Amino acid sequence: MQAAGIDVGSRTIKLVVLDVTSGDIVSYRRTETTFNPHEQCQRILSPRQWDALVATGYGRKLVQENFEAHAITEIQAHALGARKMFPQCKAILDIGGQDTKAIALDERGKVRKFEMNDRCAAGTGKFLEFMATSFQVPIERFGDFALSGNAGLTINSMCTVFAEAEATSLMARGHNPQDIALALHLSVVKRSVSMLKRVATESPLVFSGGVARNRCVATLVAKELNSTILIPPEPDLIGALGAALHCRQRMLSGDSRAQS
């Protein structure tokens, strides 16, 4: 039997399928969310290869109502997924497309405290994507572009519009684009680390979410915390993995509602 977890995010939809007996990952997929998440969910869930499904992410209710699924919060899913990948982890920083989550775990891996920025895209992947477009640099290369810059500049605003205006002003004064890009990345990191410190001070820290693929952000987070951080091989799949793990737990416990 197979248990599946789907994470419907603002930019991408991720699916992870586990073997119920072993707990091993059987397969995983991802696709863009686009402006039609229902259609994209249909696409990623077909052909059906799983026996039960648990959803998480901002679109979890859509999946629950249309695909016979159970739903759990993103906080719960990320806690389960991060702890599965790194059993020693005590804290999680997840920076996704449109929100940032800071989570503290207790000794058993249960959520002790959390904070979430989901009211504004400031300091998220969407912010970095917008800025990369302004610099005419592909988002996949924006982190390396920034790492080639020198520290010293400061971006004070985290509002996307005002931050872009600051960056434009710095360019007009002749500053190196790479230096400005580094300052933008640092502003994201300082905001995220500030949130993290209000919630969790213990390590090890797992850095998850799509932004964890950005080498500049990862480097700056480790530097700001003066600590080594743990990054999963597929950091954007942690939520879907956690949902799949929850699904597997329900199936093993004999919860008939877990199987659809």
C-alpha atoms as a PDB file:
ATOM      1  CA  MET A   1       0.000   0.000   0.000  1.00  0.00           C
ATOM      2  CA  GLN A   2       1.073   3.583  -0.612  1.00  0.00           C
ATOM      3  CA  ALA A   3       0.465   6.831   1.284  1.00  0.00           C
ATOM      4  CA  ALA A   4       0.632  10.190  -0.490  1.00  0.00           C
ATOM      5  CA  GLY A   5       1.125  13.746   0.661  1.00  0.00           C
ATOM      6  CA  ILE A   6       0.460  16.815  -1.450  1.00  0.00           C
ATOM      7  CA  ASP A   7       1.616  20.340  -0.661  1.00  0.00           C
ATOM      8  CA  VAL A   8      -0.268  22.979  -2.644  1.00  0.00           C
ATOM      9  CA  GLY A   9       1.876  26.095  -2.440  1.00  0.00           C
ATOM     10  CA  SER A  10       1.548  29.520  -3.997  1.00  0.00           C
ATOM     11  CA  ARG A  11       4.054  28.768  -6.756  1.00  0.00           C
ATOM     12  CA  THR A  12       4.378  24.983  -6.941  1.00  0.00           C
ATOM     13  CA  ILE A  13       2.475  21.832  -6.053  1.00  0.00           C
ATOM     14  CA  LYS A  14       4.510  18.941  -4.671  1.00  0.00           C
ATOM     15  CA  LEU A  15       3.496  15.283  -4.289  1.00  0.00           C
ATOM     16  CA  VAL A  16       5.376  12.635  -2.298  1.00  0.00           C
ATOM     17  CA  VAL A  17       4.346   8.964  -2.244  1.00  0.00           C
ATOM     18  CA  LEU A  18       5.570   6.577   0.480  1.00  0.00           C
ATOM     19  CA  ASP A  19       5.526   2.817   0.822  1.00  0.00           C
ATOM     20  CA  VAL A  20       3.377   2.272   3.911  1.00  0.00           C
ATOM     21  CA  THR A  21       5.284  -0.779   5.142  1.00  0.00           C
ATOM     22  CA  SER A  22       8.833   0.584   4.888  1.00  0.00           C
ATOM     23  CA  GLY A  23       8.185   4.330   5.017  1.00  0.00           C
ATOM     24  CA  ASP A  24      10.502   4.792   2.020  1.00  0.00           C
ATOM     25  CA  ILE A  25       9.815   7.359  -0.679  1.00  0.00           C
ATOM     26  CA  VAL A  26       8.423   5.620  -3.763  1.00  0.00           C
ATOM     27  CA  SER A  27       8.153   8.689  -5.983  1.00  0.00           C
ATOM     28  CA  TYR A  28       7.758  12.438  -5.978  1.00  0.00           C
ATOM     29  CA  ARG A  29       6.563  15.037  -8.449  1.00  0.00           C
ATOM     30  CA  ARG A  30       6.221  18.794  -8.659  1.00  0.00           C
ATOM     31  CA  THR A  31       4.415  21.157 -10.986  1.00  0.00           C
ATOM     32  CA  GLU A  32       3.615  24.863 -11.199  1.00  0.00           C
ATOM     33  CA  THR A  33       0.493  25.983  -9.340  1.00  0.00           C
ATOM     34  CA  THR A  34      -0.488  28.518 -12.047  1.00  0.00           C
ATOM     35  CA  PHE A  35      -3.839  30.314 -11.895  1.00  0.00           C
ATOM     36  CA  ASN A  36      -5.751  27.025 -11.954  1.00  0.00           C
ATOM     37  CA  PRO A  37      -4.579  24.983  -8.929  1.00  0.00           C
ATOM     38  CA  HIS A  38      -7.535  22.589  -9.201  1.00  0.00           C
ATOM     39  CA  GLU A  39      -6.535  21.553 -12.712  1.00  0.00           C
ATOM     40  CA  GLN A  40      -2.882  21.286 -11.685  1.00  0.00           C
ATOM     41  CA  CYS A  41      -3.814  19.096  -8.720  1.00  0.00           C
ATOM     42  CA  GLN A  42      -5.771  16.821 -11.061  1.00  0.00           C
ATOM     43  CA  ARG A  43      -2.726  16.595 -13.290  1.00  0.00           C
ATOM     44  CA  ILE A  44      -0.191  15.781 -10.573  1.00  0.00           C
ATOM     45  CA  LEU A  45      -2.508  13.257  -8.893  1.00  0.00           C
ATOM     46  CA  SER A  46      -3.092  11.324 -12.110  1.00  0.00           C
ATOM     47  CA  PRO A  47      -2.622   8.470 -12.655  1.00  0.00           C
ATOM     48  CA  ARG A  48      -3.552   7.482  -9.118  1.00  0.00           C
ATOM     49  CA  GLN A  49      -0.892   5.270  -7.575  1.00  0.00           C
ATOM     50  CA  TRP A  50      -1.701   5.816  -3.899  1.00  0.00           C
ATOM     51  CA  ASP A  51      -4.237   4.361  -1.471  1.00  0.00           C
ATOM     52  CA  ALA A  52      -4.743   7.429   0.724  1.00  0.00           C
ATOM     53  CA  LEU A  53      -3.927  11.130   0.525  1.00  0.00           C
ATOM     54  CA  VAL A  54      -3.198  13.942   2.988  1.00  0.00           C
ATOM     55  CA  ALA A  55      -2.948  17.559   1.860  1.00  0.00           C
ATOM     56  CA  THR A  56      -1.157  20.589   3.259  1.00  0.00           C
ATOM     57  CA  GLY A  57      -0.264  24.070   2.045  1.00  0.00           C
ATOM     58  CA  TYR A  58      -2.471  27.048   1.324  1.00  0.00           C
ATOM     59  CA  GLY A  59      -4.547  24.953  -1.111  1.00  0.00           C
ATOM     60  CA  ARG A  60      -5.124  22.026   1.240  1.00  0.00           C
ATOM     61  CA  LYS A  61      -8.868  22.736   1.572  1.00  0.00           C
ATOM     62  CA  LEU A  62      -9.245  22.593  -2.205  1.00  0.00           C
ATOM     63  CA  VAL A  63      -7.692  19.114  -2.231  1.00  0.00           C
ATOM     64  CA  GLN A  64      -9.679  17.993   0.807  1.00  0.00           C
ATOM     65  CA  GLU A  65     -12.969  19.004  -0.802  1.00  0.00           C
ATOM     66  CA  ASN A  66     -12.270  17.684  -4.301  1.00  0.00           C
ATOM     67  CA  PHE A  67      -9.955  14.677  -3.980  1.00  0.00           C
ATOM     68  CA  GLU A  68     -11.143  12.734  -0.915  1.00  0.00           C
ATOM     69  CA  ALA A  69      -8.197  13.782   1.210  1.00  0.00           C
ATOM     70  CA  HIS A  70      -7.491  14.566   4.830  1.00  0.00           C
ATOM     71  CA  ALA A  71      -5.764  17.918   5.536  1.00  0.00           C
ATOM     72  CA  ILE A  72      -3.165  19.106   8.045  1.00  0.00           C
ATOM     73  CA  THR A  73      -1.526  22.483   8.648  1.00  0.00           C
ATOM     74  CA  GLU A  74       1.748  23.479   7.032  1.00  0.00           C
ATOM     75  CA  ILE A  75       3.347  23.783  10.470  1.00  0.00           C
ATOM     76  CA  GLN A  76       2.495  20.191  11.352  1.00  0.00           C
ATOM     77  CA  ALA A  77       3.595  18.928   7.930  1.00  0.00           C
ATOM     78  CA  HIS A  78       6.958  20.715   8.008  1.00  0.00           C
ATOM     79  CA  ALA A  79       7.659  19.482  11.529  1.00  0.00           C
ATOM     80  CA  LEU A  80       7.051  15.871  10.463  1.00  0.00           C
ATOM     81  CA  GLY A  81       9.030  16.197   7.239  1.00  0.00           C
ATOM     82  CA  ALA A  82      12.040  17.940   8.745  1.00  0.00           C
ATOM     83  CA  ARG A  83      12.239  15.504  11.649  1.00  0.00           C
ATOM     84  CA  LYS A  84      12.095  12.561   9.236  1.00  0.00           C
ATOM     85  CA  MET A  85      15.033  13.916   7.230  1.00  0.00           C
ATOM     86  CA  PHE A  86      16.995  15.094  10.282  1.00  0.00           C
ATOM     87  CA  PRO A  87      15.861  13.340  13.506  1.00  0.00           C
ATOM     88  CA  GLN A  88      18.105  15.617  15.585  1.00  0.00           C
ATOM     89  CA  CYS A  89      16.588  18.904  14.406  1.00  0.00           C
ATOM     90  CA  LYS A  90      15.228  21.343  16.991  1.00  0.00           C
ATOM     91  CA  ALA A  91      14.158  24.208  14.741  1.00  0.00           C
ATOM     92  CA  ILE A  92      12.942  24.822  11.200  1.00  0.00           C
ATOM     93  CA  LEU A  93      13.163  27.876   8.976  1.00  0.00           C
ATOM     94  CA  ASP A  94      10.991  27.484   5.898  1.00  0.00           C
ATOM     95  CA  ILE A  95      11.024  30.214   3.255  1.00  0.00           C
ATOM     96  CA  GLY A  96       8.587  29.528   0.464  1.00  0.00           C
ATOM     97  CA  GLY A  97       7.088  31.444  -2.407  1.00  0.00           C
ATOM     98  CA  GLN A  98       4.817  33.697  -0.377  1.00  0.00           C
ATOM     99  CA  ASP A  99       5.364  32.960   3.299  1.00  0.00           C
ATOM    100  CA  THR A 100       8.063  32.314   5.870  1.00  0.00           C
ATOM    101  CA  LYS A 101       7.698  29.933   8.801  1.00  0.00           C
ATOM    102  CA  ALA A 102       9.847  29.645  11.932  1.00  0.00           C
ATOM    103  CA  ILE A 103       9.163  26.546  14.023  1.00  0.00           C
ATOM    104  CA  ALA A 104      10.586  25.297  17.328  1.00  0.00           C
ATOM    105  CA  LEU A 105      10.381  21.581  18.172  1.00  0.00           C
ATOM    106  CA  ASP A 106      10.562  19.798  21.508  1.00  0.00           C
ATOM    107  CA  GLU A 107      12.602  16.692  22.259  1.00  0.00           C
ATOM    108  CA  ARG A 108       9.929  14.434  20.730  1.00  0.00           C
ATOM    109  CA  GLY A 109       9.717  16.465  17.539  1.00  0.00           C
ATOM    110  CA  LYS A 110       6.396  18.065  18.444  1.00  0.00           C
ATOM    111  CA  VAL A 111       5.769  21.720  17.600  1.00  0.00           C
ATOM    112  CA  ARG A 112       6.549  23.826  20.658  1.00  0.00           C
ATOM    113  CA  LYS A 113       6.174  27.285  19.166  1.00  0.00           C
ATOM    114  CA  PHE A 114       5.934  28.855  15.736  1.00  0.00           C
ATOM    115  CA  GLU A 115       5.583  32.135  13.895  1.00  0.00           C
ATOM    116  CA  MET A 116       4.460  32.637  10.316  1.00  0.00           C
ATOM    117  CA  ASN A 117       4.626  35.590   7.950  1.00  0.00           C
ATOM    118  CA  ASP A 118       1.803  35.046   5.472  1.00  0.00           C
ATOM    119  CA  ARG A 119       0.347  38.553   5.238  1.00  0.00           C
ATOM    120  CA  CYS A 120       2.974  39.976   2.932  1.00  0.00           C
ATOM    121  CA  ALA A 121       5.381  38.580   0.332  1.00  0.00           C
ATOM    122  CA  ALA A 122       8.244  40.629   1.791  1.00  0.00           C
ATOM    123  CA  GLY A 123      11.230  38.449   2.559  1.00  0.00           C
ATOM    124  CA  THR A 124       9.939  35.442   0.612  1.00  0.00           C
ATOM    125  CA  GLY A 125      10.724  33.700  -2.639  1.00  0.00           C
ATOM    126  CA  LYS A 126       8.309  35.974  -4.484  1.00  0.00           C
ATOM    127  CA  PHE A 127      10.281  39.003  -3.307  1.00  0.00           C
ATOM    128  CA  LEU A 128      13.543  37.509  -4.578  1.00  0.00           C
ATOM    129  CA  GLU A 129      11.909  36.451  -7.837  1.00  0.00           C
ATOM    130  CA  PHE A 130      10.638  39.990  -8.434  1.00  0.00           C
ATOM    131  CA  MET A 131      14.074  41.441  -7.701  1.00  0.00           C
ATOM    132  CA  ALA A 132      15.816  38.922  -9.953  1.00  0.00           C
ATOM    133  CA  THR A 133      13.525  40.017 -12.780  1.00  0.00           C
ATOM    134  CA  SER A 134      14.468  43.644 -12.091  1.00  0.00           C
ATOM    135  CA  PHE A 135      18.147  42.693 -12.376  1.00  0.00           C
ATOM    136  CA  GLN A 136      17.407  40.633 -15.511  1.00  0.00           C
ATOM    137  CA  VAL A 137      19.010  37.601 -13.860  1.00  0.00           C
ATOM    138  CA  PRO A 138      17.273  34.169 -13.887  1.00  0.00           C
ATOM    139  CA  ILE A 139      15.986  33.368 -10.411  1.00  0.00           C
ATOM    140  CA  GLU A 140      18.022  30.123 -10.446  1.00  0.00           C
ATOM    141  CA  ARG A 141      21.226  32.192 -10.768  1.00  0.00           C
ATOM    142  CA  PHE A 142      20.282  35.146  -8.562  1.00  0.00           C
ATOM    143  CA  GLY A 143      21.894  33.694  -5.424  1.00  0.00           C
ATOM    144  CA  ASP A 144      25.240  33.051  -7.113  1.00  0.00           C
ATOM    145  CA  PHE A 145      25.024  36.501  -8.710  1.00  0.00           C
ATOM    146  CA  ALA A 146      24.652  38.047  -5.248  1.00  0.00           C
ATOM    147  CA  LEU A 147      27.441  35.944  -3.744  1.00  0.00           C
ATOM    148  CA  SER A 148      29.870  37.561  -6.177  1.00  0.00           C
ATOM    149  CA  GLY A 149      29.123  40.965  -4.632  1.00  0.00           C
ATOM    150  CA  ASN A 150      30.806  42.779  -1.760  1.00  0.00           C
ATOM    151  CA  ALA A 151      29.105  43.614   1.537  1.00  0.00           C
ATOM    152  CA  GLY A 152      28.564  47.178   2.676  1.00  0.00           C
ATOM    153  CA  LEU A 153      25.315  48.354   1.113  1.00  0.00           C
ATOM    154  CA  THR A 154      21.996  48.315   2.972  1.00  0.00           C
ATOM    155  CA  ILE A 155      18.448  47.944   1.727  1.00  0.00           C
ATOM    156  CA  ASN A 156      16.148  49.346   4.421  1.00  0.00           C
ATOM    157  CA  SER A 157      12.721  48.615   2.975  1.00  0.00           C
ATOM    158  CA  MET A 158      11.212  45.147   2.735  1.00  0.00           C
ATOM    159  CA  CYS A 159       8.243  46.371   0.719  1.00  0.00           C
ATOM    160  CA  THR A 160       8.823  45.061  -2.804  1.00  0.00           C
ATOM    161  CA  VAL A 161       8.033  48.379  -4.482  1.00  0.00           C
ATOM    162  CA  PHE A 162      10.185  50.505  -2.165  1.00  0.00           C
ATOM    163  CA  ALA A 163      13.032  47.974  -2.153  1.00  0.00           C
ATOM    164  CA  GLU A 164      13.110  48.075  -5.938  1.00  0.00           C
ATOM    165  CA  ALA A 165      13.178  51.883  -5.765  1.00  0.00           C
ATOM    166  CA  GLU A 166      16.139  51.708  -3.343  1.00  0.00           C
ATOM    167  CA  ALA A 167      17.963  49.282  -5.629  1.00  0.00           C
ATOM    168  CA  THR A 168      17.320  51.518  -8.645  1.00  0.00           C
ATOM    169  CA  SER A 169      18.610  54.526  -6.733  1.00  0.00           C
ATOM    170  CA  LEU A 170      21.785  52.683  -5.755  1.00  0.00           C
ATOM    171  CA  MET A 171      22.345  51.658  -9.373  1.00  0.00           C
ATOM    172  CA  ALA A 172      21.876  55.264 -10.483  1.00  0.00           C
ATOM    173  CA  ARG A 173      24.632  56.255  -8.053  1.00  0.00           C
ATOM    174  CA  GLY A 174      26.984  53.802  -9.729  1.00  0.00           C
ATOM    175  CA  HIS A 175      26.996  50.915  -7.264  1.00  0.00           C
ATOM    176  CA  ASN A 176      27.852  47.431  -8.496  1.00  0.00           C
ATOM    177  CA  PRO A 177      24.669  45.386  -9.280  1.00  0.00           C
ATOM    178  CA  GLN A 178      26.124  42.350  -7.503  1.00  0.00           C
ATOM    179  CA  ASP A 179      26.676  44.441  -4.355  1.00  0.00           C
ATOM    180  CA  ILE A 180      23.066  45.621  -4.483  1.00  0.00           C
ATOM    181  CA  ALA A 181      21.828  42.059  -5.002  1.00  0.00           C
ATOM    182  CA  LEU A 182      23.825  40.938  -1.964  1.00  0.00           C
ATOM    183  CA  ALA A 183      22.231  43.721   0.103  1.00  0.00           C
ATOM    184  CA  LEU A 184      18.771  42.574  -1.028  1.00  0.00           C
ATOM    185  CA  HIS A 185      19.526  38.991   0.004  1.00  0.00           C
ATOM    186  CA  LEU A 186      20.838  40.171   3.361  1.00  0.00           C
ATOM    187  CA  SER A 187      17.642  42.132   4.006  1.00  0.00           C
ATOM    188  CA  VAL A 188      15.619  38.934   3.412  1.00  0.00           C
ATOM    189  CA  VAL A 189      17.871  36.928   5.717  1.00  0.00           C
ATOM    190  CA  LYS A 190      17.847  39.468   8.558  1.00  0.00           C
ATOM    191  CA  ARG A 191      14.047  39.559   8.502  1.00  0.00           C
ATOM    192  CA  SER A 192      13.790  35.750   8.505  1.00  0.00           C
ATOM    193  CA  VAL A 193      16.440  35.226  11.189  1.00  0.00           C
ATOM    194  CA  SER A 194      14.798  37.872  13.381  1.00  0.00           C
ATOM    195  CA  MET A 195      11.551  35.891  13.202  1.00  0.00           C
ATOM    196  CA  LEU A 196      13.399  32.648  13.904  1.00  0.00           C
ATOM    197  CA  LYS A 197      15.113  34.052  17.002  1.00  0.00           C
ATOM    198  CA  ARG A 198      11.753  35.040  18.482  1.00  0.00           C
ATOM    199  CA  VAL A 199      10.644  31.422  18.213  1.00  0.00           C
ATOM    200  CA  ALA A 200      13.633  29.090  18.383  1.00  0.00           C
ATOM    201  CA  THR A 201      17.183  29.467  19.679  1.00  0.00           C
ATOM    202  CA  GLU A 202      18.252  25.820  19.758  1.00  0.00           C
ATOM    203  CA  SER A 203      20.078  23.997  16.986  1.00  0.00           C
ATOM    204  CA  PRO A 204      20.335  21.993  14.785  1.00  0.00           C
ATOM    205  CA  LEU A 205      18.286  24.100  12.364  1.00  0.00           C
ATOM    206  CA  VAL A 206      16.718  22.701   9.207  1.00  0.00           C
ATOM    207  CA  PHE A 207      16.379  25.207   6.366  1.00  0.00           C
ATOM    208  CA  SER A 208      13.571  24.149   4.019  1.00  0.00           C
ATOM    209  CA  GLY A 209      11.430  25.609   1.254  1.00  0.00           C
ATOM    210  CA  GLY A 210      12.318  26.612  -2.279  1.00  0.00           C
ATOM    211  CA  VAL A 211      14.485  29.522  -1.134  1.00  0.00           C
ATOM    212  CA  ALA A 212      16.820  27.041   0.585  1.00  0.00           C
ATOM    213  CA  ARG A 213      18.092  26.289  -2.934  1.00  0.00           C
ATOM    214  CA  ASN A 214      19.463  29.840  -3.078  1.00  0.00           C
ATOM    215  CA  ARG A 215      23.140  29.514  -2.068  1.00  0.00           C
ATOM    216  CA  CYS A 216      23.402  33.151  -1.035  1.00  0.00           C
ATOM    217  CA  VAL A 217      20.440  32.977   1.350  1.00  0.00           C
ATOM    218  CA  ALA A 218      21.694  29.695   2.834  1.00  0.00           C
ATOM    219  CA  THR A 219      25.202  31.119   3.308  1.00  0.00           C
ATOM    220  CA  LEU A 220      23.909  34.293   4.958  1.00  0.00           C
ATOM    221  CA  VAL A 221      21.518  32.423   7.275  1.00  0.00           C
ATOM    222  CA  ALA A 222      24.403  30.266   8.545  1.00  0.00           C
ATOM    223  CA  LYS A 223      26.546  33.383   8.988  1.00  0.00           C
ATOM    224  CA  GLU A 224      23.839  35.335  10.841  1.00  0.00           C
ATOM    225  CA  LEU A 225      23.237  32.405  13.196  1.00  0.00           C
ATOM    226  CA  ASN A 226      26.950  31.579  13.455  1.00  0.00           C
ATOM    227  CA  SER A 227      25.941  27.952  13.097  1.00  0.00           C
ATOM    228  CA  THR A 228      25.814  25.112  10.598  1.00  0.00           C
ATOM    229  CA  ILE A 229      22.384  24.630   9.045  1.00  0.00           C
ATOM    230  CA  LEU A 230      20.892  21.447   7.626  1.00  0.00           C
ATOM    231  CA  ILE A 231      19.431  21.624   4.108  1.00  0.00           C
ATOM    232  CA  PRO A 232      17.505  18.646   2.663  1.00  0.00           C
ATOM    233  CA  PRO A 233      18.464  17.451  -0.835  1.00  0.00           C
ATOM    234  CA  GLU A 234      14.985  18.533  -2.030  1.00  0.00           C
ATOM    235  CA  PRO A 235      14.130  21.348   0.418  1.00  0.00           C
ATOM    236  CA  ASP A 236      10.824  22.264  -1.219  1.00  0.00           C
ATOM    237  CA  LEU A 237       9.433  18.734  -0.681  1.00  0.00           C
ATOM    238  CA  ILE A 238       9.494  18.823   3.139  1.00  0.00           C
ATOM    239  CA  GLY A 239       5.839  19.838   3.471  1.00  0.00           C
ATOM    240  CA  ALA A 240       4.627  17.144   1.073  1.00  0.00           C
ATOM    241  CA  LEU A 241       6.830  14.587   2.805  1.00  0.00           C
ATOM    242  CA  GLY A 242       5.323  15.540   6.163  1.00  0.00           C
ATOM    243  CA  ALA A 243       1.808  15.184   4.755  1.00  0.00           C
ATOM    244  CA  ALA A 244       2.694  11.738   3.379  1.00  0.00           C
ATOM    245  CA  LEU A 245       4.135  10.704   6.751  1.00  0.00           C
ATOM    246  CA  HIS A 246       0.938  11.792   8.489  1.00  0.00           C
ATOM    247  CA  CYS A 247      -1.046   9.794   5.939  1.00  0.00           C
ATOM    248  CA  ARG A 248       1.093   6.732   6.612  1.00  0.00           C
ATOM    249  CA  GLN A 249       0.591   7.115  10.383  1.00  0.00           C
ATOM    250  CA  ARG A 250      -3.171   7.210   9.910  1.00  0.00           C
ATOM    251  CA  MET A 251      -3.104   4.127   7.720  1.00  0.00           C
ATOM    252  CA  LEU A 252      -0.935   2.187  10.158  1.00  0.00           C
ATOM    253  CA  SER A 253      -3.228   3.153  13.027  1.00  0.00           C
ATOM    254  CA  GLY A 254      -6.159   1.671  11.121  1.00  0.00           C
ATOM    255  CA  ASP A 255      -8.013   4.941  10.680  1.00  0.00           C
ATOM    256  CA  SER A 256     -10.543   4.063   7.994  1.00  0.00           C
ATOM    257  CA  ARG A 257     -10.912   7.734   7.060  1.00  0.00           C
ATOM    258  CA  ALA A 258      -7.291   7.732   5.854  1.00  0.00           C
ATOM    259  CA  GLN A 259      -8.140   5.486   2.928  1.00  0.00           C
ATOM    260  CA  SER A 260     -10.146   6.998   0.114  1.00  0.00           C
END
